[in-house]
């Protein structure tokens, strides 16, 4: 059975009622009956055991018990956030799915000068469904959140909030031209408490946007020697950061 994520927290007695698509999947696809025991995740990622108490015509009722599990190495990672310049809708859907599978804690879509969509085109509800499906399929324990699309000014205000919350927050934005020397390892040295990745839409960031990110304290990085599509850049950046943070104990010893 793929990882199942409960849509809501249990009530004060530990009971959960599942209806709609969740009910259909468990009762008609998995054919769960009263007494069936299965593992699920709470919305925040905590594992629970659910025992089916009854299967009604339109809902499944179960009791939840929190499981005591050993801490995973990944749980010690600082949160990784993706500031994504809005691309075409189909590409944004793919970015959201890949970000959820890759353990991104939060996705903040924003409108860039080169974004082909308008701010009014809010698909947060759709993206939330994509995230749930991706987490259930991939097994990610990180409860990826997606925010309402915003302007660049609002995005940088969110960055200011993060810097107040995390004293060692690191901001990286990805550009097609090498603006200054540096690399992932150098930028992530020193045990960052949060890492923010800013990726532009098709066409990248405008010169004015590059200036705004630099003034806000973001470090510019180039991903290899080829120009990547925006959906590829987001995935490659997130994967690189996660691998470096997971293996920091081995590579940090070699930094002069």
C-alpha atoms as a PDB file:
ATOM      1  CA  UNK A   1       0.000   0.000   0.000  1.00  0.00           C
ATOM      2  CA  UNK A   2       1.291   3.444  -0.868  1.00  0.00           C
ATOM      3  CA  UNK A   3       1.790   5.913   1.970  1.00  0.00           C
ATOM      4  CA  UNK A   4      -1.586   7.276   3.070  1.00  0.00           C
ATOM      5  CA  UNK A   5      -1.852  10.801   4.481  1.00  0.00           C
ATOM      6  CA  UNK A   6      -4.832  11.650   6.669  1.00  0.00           C
ATOM      7  CA  UNK A   7      -6.576  14.834   5.518  1.00  0.00           C
ATOM      8  CA  UNK A   8      -7.248  16.038   9.081  1.00  0.00           C
ATOM      9  CA  UNK A   9      -6.144  15.437  12.636  1.00  0.00           C
ATOM     10  CA  UNK A  10      -8.111  12.893  14.706  1.00  0.00           C
ATOM     11  CA  UNK A  11     -10.607  14.271  17.219  1.00  0.00           C
ATOM     12  CA  UNK A  12      -9.910  14.395  20.958  1.00  0.00           C
ATOM     13  CA  UNK A  13     -10.785  10.691  21.278  1.00  0.00           C
ATOM     14  CA  UNK A  14      -8.368   9.666  18.511  1.00  0.00           C
ATOM     15  CA  UNK A  15     -11.106   8.952  15.966  1.00  0.00           C
ATOM     16  CA  UNK A  16     -10.969   9.917  12.308  1.00  0.00           C
ATOM     17  CA  UNK A  17     -13.753   9.963   9.689  1.00  0.00           C
ATOM     18  CA  UNK A  18     -12.718   9.605   6.054  1.00  0.00           C
ATOM     19  CA  UNK A  19     -15.058  10.419   3.192  1.00  0.00           C
ATOM     20  CA  UNK A  20     -14.935  11.331  -0.488  1.00  0.00           C
ATOM     21  CA  UNK A  21     -11.916  10.100  -2.462  1.00  0.00           C
ATOM     22  CA  UNK A  22     -10.155   8.846   0.679  1.00  0.00           C
ATOM     23  CA  UNK A  23     -13.163   6.728   1.597  1.00  0.00           C
ATOM     24  CA  UNK A  24     -13.450   5.378  -1.946  1.00  0.00           C
ATOM     25  CA  UNK A  25      -9.764   4.414  -2.045  1.00  0.00           C
ATOM     26  CA  UNK A  26      -9.734   2.625   1.307  1.00  0.00           C
ATOM     27  CA  UNK A  27     -13.180   1.018   1.170  1.00  0.00           C
ATOM     28  CA  UNK A  28     -13.532   0.185  -2.535  1.00  0.00           C
ATOM     29  CA  UNK A  29      -9.996   0.021  -3.935  1.00  0.00           C
ATOM     30  CA  UNK A  30      -8.183  -1.431  -0.909  1.00  0.00           C
ATOM     31  CA  UNK A  31     -11.396  -3.118   0.347  1.00  0.00           C
ATOM     32  CA  UNK A  32     -10.630  -2.425   3.995  1.00  0.00           C
ATOM     33  CA  UNK A  33     -13.055  -3.906   6.522  1.00  0.00           C
ATOM     34  CA  UNK A  34     -13.668  -3.382  10.219  1.00  0.00           C
ATOM     35  CA  UNK A  35     -10.587  -4.544  12.087  1.00  0.00           C
ATOM     36  CA  UNK A  36      -8.081  -3.725   9.323  1.00  0.00           C
ATOM     37  CA  UNK A  37      -4.914  -2.102  10.684  1.00  0.00           C
ATOM     38  CA  UNK A  38      -2.828   0.199   8.492  1.00  0.00           C
ATOM     39  CA  UNK A  39      -0.120   2.838   8.847  1.00  0.00           C
ATOM     40  CA  UNK A  40      -0.764   6.443   7.844  1.00  0.00           C
ATOM     41  CA  UNK A  41       0.686   9.908   8.351  1.00  0.00           C
ATOM     42  CA  UNK A  42      -0.905  12.855  10.091  1.00  0.00           C
ATOM     43  CA  UNK A  43      -0.926  16.062   7.991  1.00  0.00           C
ATOM     44  CA  UNK A  44       2.273  17.168   9.732  1.00  0.00           C
ATOM     45  CA  UNK A  45       4.110  13.939   8.885  1.00  0.00           C
ATOM     46  CA  UNK A  46       3.847  12.037  12.188  1.00  0.00           C
ATOM     47  CA  UNK A  47       3.207   8.296  11.653  1.00  0.00           C
ATOM     48  CA  UNK A  48       0.108   6.710  13.181  1.00  0.00           C
ATOM     49  CA  UNK A  49      -1.543   3.310  13.151  1.00  0.00           C
ATOM     50  CA  UNK A  50      -5.178   3.374  12.131  1.00  0.00           C
ATOM     51  CA  UNK A  51      -7.584   0.571  13.006  1.00  0.00           C
ATOM     52  CA  UNK A  52     -10.780   0.549  10.961  1.00  0.00           C
ATOM     53  CA  UNK A  53     -13.735   0.564  13.349  1.00  0.00           C
ATOM     54  CA  UNK A  54     -16.526   0.587  10.779  1.00  0.00           C
ATOM     55  CA  UNK A  55     -17.175   1.116   7.082  1.00  0.00           C
ATOM     56  CA  UNK A  56     -20.372   3.058   6.502  1.00  0.00           C
ATOM     57  CA  UNK A  57     -22.097   3.694   3.153  1.00  0.00           C
ATOM     58  CA  UNK A  58     -20.328   7.037   2.755  1.00  0.00           C
ATOM     59  CA  UNK A  59     -17.459   7.118   5.263  1.00  0.00           C
ATOM     60  CA  UNK A  60     -14.827   5.031   6.994  1.00  0.00           C
ATOM     61  CA  UNK A  61     -14.314   5.460  10.733  1.00  0.00           C
ATOM     62  CA  UNK A  62     -11.015   4.569  12.349  1.00  0.00           C
ATOM     63  CA  UNK A  63      -9.082   5.018  15.583  1.00  0.00           C
ATOM     64  CA  UNK A  64      -5.544   6.432  15.492  1.00  0.00           C
ATOM     65  CA  UNK A  65      -2.555   5.672  17.691  1.00  0.00           C
ATOM     66  CA  UNK A  66       0.678   7.641  17.355  1.00  0.00           C
ATOM     67  CA  UNK A  67       3.668   5.415  16.567  1.00  0.00           C
ATOM     68  CA  UNK A  68       6.996   5.796  18.334  1.00  0.00           C
ATOM     69  CA  UNK A  69       9.682   5.627  15.665  1.00  0.00           C
ATOM     70  CA  UNK A  70      13.391   6.269  15.592  1.00  0.00           C
ATOM     71  CA  UNK A  71      14.416   9.691  14.324  1.00  0.00           C
ATOM     72  CA  UNK A  72      15.358   9.687  10.653  1.00  0.00           C
ATOM     73  CA  UNK A  73      18.563  11.436   9.578  1.00  0.00           C
ATOM     74  CA  UNK A  74      16.512  13.508   7.157  1.00  0.00           C
ATOM     75  CA  UNK A  75      14.426  14.944   9.992  1.00  0.00           C
ATOM     76  CA  UNK A  76      17.523  16.801  11.211  1.00  0.00           C
ATOM     77  CA  UNK A  77      17.833  18.723   7.950  1.00  0.00           C
ATOM     78  CA  UNK A  78      17.044  22.438   7.996  1.00  0.00           C
ATOM     79  CA  UNK A  79      13.893  23.371   6.081  1.00  0.00           C
ATOM     80  CA  UNK A  80      14.421  23.959   2.363  1.00  0.00           C
ATOM     81  CA  UNK A  81      12.066  26.461   0.726  1.00  0.00           C
ATOM     82  CA  UNK A  82      11.503  27.094  -2.966  1.00  0.00           C
ATOM     83  CA  UNK A  83      10.751  30.617  -4.207  1.00  0.00           C
ATOM     84  CA  UNK A  84       9.474  29.788  -7.696  1.00  0.00           C
ATOM     85  CA  UNK A  85       8.889  32.377 -10.394  1.00  0.00           C
ATOM     86  CA  UNK A  86       5.589  31.401 -11.983  1.00  0.00           C
ATOM     87  CA  UNK A  87       6.076  29.566 -15.298  1.00  0.00           C
ATOM     88  CA  UNK A  88       3.394  28.136 -17.569  1.00  0.00           C
ATOM     89  CA  UNK A  89       0.709  26.226 -15.589  1.00  0.00           C
ATOM     90  CA  UNK A  90       1.714  22.724 -16.714  1.00  0.00           C
ATOM     91  CA  UNK A  91       5.322  23.370 -15.736  1.00  0.00           C
ATOM     92  CA  UNK A  92       4.277  24.742 -12.348  1.00  0.00           C
ATOM     93  CA  UNK A  93       2.271  21.588 -11.667  1.00  0.00           C
ATOM     94  CA  UNK A  94       5.370  19.519 -12.391  1.00  0.00           C
ATOM     95  CA  UNK A  95       7.557  21.722 -10.181  1.00  0.00           C
ATOM     96  CA  UNK A  96       5.102  21.371  -7.288  1.00  0.00           C
ATOM     97  CA  UNK A  97       5.030  17.578  -7.666  1.00  0.00           C
ATOM     98  CA  UNK A  98       8.815  17.282  -7.831  1.00  0.00           C
ATOM     99  CA  UNK A  99       9.287  19.658  -4.898  1.00  0.00           C
ATOM    100  CA  UNK A 100       6.975  17.564  -2.725  1.00  0.00           C
ATOM    101  CA  UNK A 101       8.746  14.359  -3.719  1.00  0.00           C
ATOM    102  CA  UNK A 102      12.100  16.027  -3.027  1.00  0.00           C
ATOM    103  CA  UNK A 103      11.302  17.112   0.520  1.00  0.00           C
ATOM    104  CA  UNK A 104      10.806  20.853   0.013  1.00  0.00           C
ATOM    105  CA  UNK A 105       9.167  22.310   3.128  1.00  0.00           C
ATOM    106  CA  UNK A 106       7.460  25.269   1.465  1.00  0.00           C
ATOM    107  CA  UNK A 107       6.810  26.500  -2.063  1.00  0.00           C
ATOM    108  CA  UNK A 108       6.239  30.224  -2.582  1.00  0.00           C
ATOM    109  CA  UNK A 109       5.137  31.029  -6.160  1.00  0.00           C
ATOM    110  CA  UNK A 110       5.647  34.608  -7.266  1.00  0.00           C
ATOM    111  CA  UNK A 111       5.126  36.671 -10.394  1.00  0.00           C
ATOM    112  CA  UNK A 112       8.303  37.741 -12.216  1.00  0.00           C
ATOM    113  CA  UNK A 113       8.734  40.172 -15.055  1.00  0.00           C
ATOM    114  CA  UNK A 114       8.974  37.214 -17.452  1.00  0.00           C
ATOM    115  CA  UNK A 115       6.139  35.144 -15.914  1.00  0.00           C
ATOM    116  CA  UNK A 116       3.593  34.131 -18.593  1.00  0.00           C
ATOM    117  CA  UNK A 117       0.665  34.055 -16.125  1.00  0.00           C
ATOM    118  CA  UNK A 118      -1.124  36.674 -14.061  1.00  0.00           C
ATOM    119  CA  UNK A 119      -1.216  36.929 -10.290  1.00  0.00           C
ATOM    120  CA  UNK A 120      -4.969  36.311 -10.337  1.00  0.00           C
ATOM    121  CA  UNK A 121      -4.437  32.775 -11.643  1.00  0.00           C
ATOM    122  CA  UNK A 122      -4.322  31.181  -8.186  1.00  0.00           C
ATOM    123  CA  UNK A 123      -4.236  27.386  -8.256  1.00  0.00           C
ATOM    124  CA  UNK A 124      -3.260  26.797  -4.633  1.00  0.00           C
ATOM    125  CA  UNK A 125      -6.046  24.238  -4.093  1.00  0.00           C
ATOM    126  CA  UNK A 126      -4.930  22.254  -7.130  1.00  0.00           C
ATOM    127  CA  UNK A 127      -1.292  22.384  -6.041  1.00  0.00           C
ATOM    128  CA  UNK A 128      -2.242  21.145  -2.564  1.00  0.00           C
ATOM    129  CA  UNK A 129      -3.886  18.081  -4.141  1.00  0.00           C
ATOM    130  CA  UNK A 130      -0.779  17.479  -6.247  1.00  0.00           C
ATOM    131  CA  UNK A 131       1.395  17.690  -3.126  1.00  0.00           C
ATOM    132  CA  UNK A 132      -0.715  15.153  -1.264  1.00  0.00           C
ATOM    133  CA  UNK A 133      -0.599  12.712  -4.177  1.00  0.00           C
ATOM    134  CA  UNK A 134       3.163  13.172  -4.552  1.00  0.00           C
ATOM    135  CA  UNK A 135       3.835  12.610  -0.849  1.00  0.00           C
ATOM    136  CA  UNK A 136       1.659   9.524  -0.773  1.00  0.00           C
ATOM    137  CA  UNK A 137       3.437   8.083  -3.785  1.00  0.00           C
ATOM    138  CA  UNK A 138       6.990   9.024  -2.783  1.00  0.00           C
ATOM    139  CA  UNK A 139       6.786   8.429   0.946  1.00  0.00           C
ATOM    140  CA  UNK A 140       8.051  11.912   1.863  1.00  0.00           C
ATOM    141  CA  UNK A 141       7.556  12.632   5.569  1.00  0.00           C
ATOM    142  CA  UNK A 142       7.902  16.392   5.048  1.00  0.00           C
ATOM    143  CA  UNK A 143       4.571  18.220   5.023  1.00  0.00           C
ATOM    144  CA  UNK A 144       5.203  20.414   1.972  1.00  0.00           C
ATOM    145  CA  UNK A 145       3.142  23.607   2.032  1.00  0.00           C
ATOM    146  CA  UNK A 146       2.346  25.889  -0.890  1.00  0.00           C
ATOM    147  CA  UNK A 147       1.538  29.558  -0.466  1.00  0.00           C
ATOM    148  CA  UNK A 148      -0.715  31.827  -2.479  1.00  0.00           C
ATOM    149  CA  UNK A 149       1.150  33.398  -5.442  1.00  0.00           C
ATOM    150  CA  UNK A 150       2.521  36.822  -4.615  1.00  0.00           C
ATOM    151  CA  UNK A 151       4.532  39.733  -5.991  1.00  0.00           C
ATOM    152  CA  UNK A 152       8.304  40.031  -5.739  1.00  0.00           C
ATOM    153  CA  UNK A 153       7.939  42.636  -2.980  1.00  0.00           C
ATOM    154  CA  UNK A 154       5.799  40.249  -0.924  1.00  0.00           C
ATOM    155  CA  UNK A 155       8.284  37.472  -1.603  1.00  0.00           C
ATOM    156  CA  UNK A 156      11.181  39.517  -0.247  1.00  0.00           C
ATOM    157  CA  UNK A 157       9.065  40.401   2.783  1.00  0.00           C
ATOM    158  CA  UNK A 158       8.661  36.643   3.367  1.00  0.00           C
ATOM    159  CA  UNK A 159      12.459  36.357   3.117  1.00  0.00           C
ATOM    160  CA  UNK A 160      12.823  39.059   5.782  1.00  0.00           C
ATOM    161  CA  UNK A 161      10.463  37.080   8.043  1.00  0.00           C
ATOM    162  CA  UNK A 162      12.565  33.961   7.559  1.00  0.00           C
ATOM    163  CA  UNK A 163      15.785  35.814   8.423  1.00  0.00           C
ATOM    164  CA  UNK A 164      14.200  36.996  11.675  1.00  0.00           C
ATOM    165  CA  UNK A 165      13.104  33.438  12.477  1.00  0.00           C
ATOM    166  CA  UNK A 166      16.339  31.733  11.435  1.00  0.00           C
ATOM    167  CA  UNK A 167      19.553  33.517  12.334  1.00  0.00           C
ATOM    168  CA  UNK A 168      21.508  31.381   9.856  1.00  0.00           C
ATOM    169  CA  UNK A 169      19.139  31.518   6.864  1.00  0.00           C
ATOM    170  CA  UNK A 170      20.808  31.106   3.464  1.00  0.00           C
ATOM    171  CA  UNK A 171      19.256  32.472   0.282  1.00  0.00           C
ATOM    172  CA  UNK A 172      20.407  31.257  -3.140  1.00  0.00           C
ATOM    173  CA  UNK A 173      19.096  32.387  -6.499  1.00  0.00           C
ATOM    174  CA  UNK A 174      19.955  30.686  -9.749  1.00  0.00           C
ATOM    175  CA  UNK A 175      21.139  32.607 -12.748  1.00  0.00           C
ATOM    176  CA  UNK A 176      22.434  31.657 -16.171  1.00  0.00           C
ATOM    177  CA  UNK A 177      25.531  33.874 -15.873  1.00  0.00           C
ATOM    178  CA  UNK A 178      28.262  33.540 -13.212  1.00  0.00           C
ATOM    179  CA  UNK A 179      27.865  36.787 -11.262  1.00  0.00           C
ATOM    180  CA  UNK A 180      30.447  35.972  -8.588  1.00  0.00           C
ATOM    181  CA  UNK A 181      32.665  33.033  -7.588  1.00  0.00           C
ATOM    182  CA  UNK A 182      31.224  30.410  -5.268  1.00  0.00           C
ATOM    183  CA  UNK A 183      29.405  27.111  -5.179  1.00  0.00           C
ATOM    184  CA  UNK A 184      26.933  25.037  -3.197  1.00  0.00           C
ATOM    185  CA  UNK A 185      29.446  23.790  -0.634  1.00  0.00           C
ATOM    186  CA  UNK A 186      30.775  27.242   0.156  1.00  0.00           C
ATOM    187  CA  UNK A 187      27.288  28.738   0.461  1.00  0.00           C
ATOM    188  CA  UNK A 188      26.034  25.909   2.699  1.00  0.00           C
ATOM    189  CA  UNK A 189      29.020  25.763   5.025  1.00  0.00           C
ATOM    190  CA  UNK A 190      28.403  26.814   8.629  1.00  0.00           C
ATOM    191  CA  UNK A 191      25.277  24.759   9.452  1.00  0.00           C
ATOM    192  CA  UNK A 192      22.467  26.849   7.904  1.00  0.00           C
ATOM    193  CA  UNK A 193      19.164  26.799   9.794  1.00  0.00           C
ATOM    194  CA  UNK A 194      17.086  27.284   6.639  1.00  0.00           C
ATOM    195  CA  UNK A 195      17.852  27.323   2.919  1.00  0.00           C
ATOM    196  CA  UNK A 196      15.810  29.279   0.385  1.00  0.00           C
ATOM    197  CA  UNK A 197      16.153  28.561  -3.340  1.00  0.00           C
ATOM    198  CA  UNK A 198      14.904  31.163  -5.824  1.00  0.00           C
ATOM    199  CA  UNK A 199      14.308  29.934  -9.388  1.00  0.00           C
ATOM    200  CA  UNK A 200      13.004  32.061 -12.221  1.00  0.00           C
ATOM    201  CA  UNK A 201      10.363  31.208 -14.840  1.00  0.00           C
ATOM    202  CA  UNK A 202      11.056  30.664 -18.523  1.00  0.00           C
ATOM    203  CA  UNK A 203      13.558  33.359 -19.413  1.00  0.00           C
ATOM    204  CA  UNK A 204      14.958  33.608 -15.888  1.00  0.00           C
ATOM    205  CA  UNK A 205      15.158  36.766 -13.818  1.00  0.00           C
ATOM    206  CA  UNK A 206      15.277  40.268 -15.253  1.00  0.00           C
ATOM    207  CA  UNK A 207      18.291  42.515 -14.462  1.00  0.00           C
ATOM    208  CA  UNK A 208      16.156  44.487 -11.997  1.00  0.00           C
ATOM    209  CA  UNK A 209      15.099  41.280 -10.210  1.00  0.00           C
ATOM    210  CA  UNK A 210      18.726  40.123 -10.016  1.00  0.00           C
ATOM    211  CA  UNK A 211      19.593  43.427  -8.336  1.00  0.00           C
ATOM    212  CA  UNK A 212      16.716  43.012  -5.866  1.00  0.00           C
ATOM    213  CA  UNK A 213      17.856  39.513  -4.862  1.00  0.00           C
ATOM    214  CA  UNK A 214      21.453  40.635  -4.432  1.00  0.00           C
ATOM    215  CA  UNK A 215      20.394  43.578  -2.262  1.00  0.00           C
ATOM    216  CA  UNK A 216      18.284  41.201  -0.137  1.00  0.00           C
ATOM    217  CA  UNK A 217      21.344  39.056   0.603  1.00  0.00           C
ATOM    218  CA  UNK A 218      20.811  36.177  -1.811  1.00  0.00           C
ATOM    219  CA  UNK A 219      23.883  34.505  -3.291  1.00  0.00           C
ATOM    220  CA  UNK A 220      23.884  33.860  -7.076  1.00  0.00           C
ATOM    221  CA  UNK A 221      24.690  30.361  -8.307  1.00  0.00           C
ATOM    222  CA  UNK A 222      24.943  28.754 -11.741  1.00  0.00           C
ATOM    223  CA  UNK A 223      23.773  25.166 -12.273  1.00  0.00           C
ATOM    224  CA  UNK A 224      26.419  23.635 -14.526  1.00  0.00           C
ATOM    225  CA  UNK A 225      27.410  24.888 -17.940  1.00  0.00           C
ATOM    226  CA  UNK A 226      24.057  24.509 -19.713  1.00  0.00           C
ATOM    227  CA  UNK A 227      20.869  26.559 -19.451  1.00  0.00           C
ATOM    228  CA  UNK A 228      18.250  24.409 -17.711  1.00  0.00           C
ATOM    229  CA  UNK A 229      14.503  24.586 -18.094  1.00  0.00           C
ATOM    230  CA  UNK A 230      12.837  26.154 -15.070  1.00  0.00           C
ATOM    231  CA  UNK A 231      11.294  22.833 -13.951  1.00  0.00           C
ATOM    232  CA  UNK A 232      14.676  21.113 -14.296  1.00  0.00           C
ATOM    233  CA  UNK A 233      16.504  23.882 -12.458  1.00  0.00           C
ATOM    234  CA  UNK A 234      14.145  23.696  -9.477  1.00  0.00           C
ATOM    235  CA  UNK A 235      14.574  19.924  -9.183  1.00  0.00           C
ATOM    236  CA  UNK A 236      18.356  20.022  -9.671  1.00  0.00           C
ATOM    237  CA  UNK A 237      18.837  22.787  -7.116  1.00  0.00           C
ATOM    238  CA  UNK A 238      16.694  21.097  -4.483  1.00  0.00           C
ATOM    239  CA  UNK A 239      18.406  17.741  -5.007  1.00  0.00           C
ATOM    240  CA  UNK A 240      21.892  19.279  -4.794  1.00  0.00           C
ATOM    241  CA  UNK A 241      21.103  21.109  -1.566  1.00  0.00           C
ATOM    242  CA  UNK A 242      19.552  18.066   0.108  1.00  0.00           C
ATOM    243  CA  UNK A 243      22.478  15.813  -0.770  1.00  0.00           C
ATOM    244  CA  UNK A 244      25.027  18.348   0.474  1.00  0.00           C
ATOM    245  CA  UNK A 245      23.141  18.872   3.743  1.00  0.00           C
ATOM    246  CA  UNK A 246      22.701  15.130   4.288  1.00  0.00           C
ATOM    247  CA  UNK A 247      26.422  14.552   3.778  1.00  0.00           C
ATOM    248  CA  UNK A 248      27.676  17.650   5.582  1.00  0.00           C
ATOM    249  CA  UNK A 249      29.571  15.675   8.232  1.00  0.00           C
ATOM    250  CA  UNK A 250      31.875  14.203   5.588  1.00  0.00           C
ATOM    251  CA  UNK A 251      32.524  17.232   3.375  1.00  0.00           C
ATOM    252  CA  UNK A 252      32.702  19.974   5.993  1.00  0.00           C
ATOM    253  CA  UNK A 253      35.849  18.417   7.433  1.00  0.00           C
ATOM    254  CA  UNK A 254      37.627  19.167   4.155  1.00  0.00           C
ATOM    255  CA  UNK A 255      36.837  22.874   3.952  1.00  0.00           C
ATOM    256  CA  UNK A 256      39.963  24.972   4.688  1.00  0.00           C
END
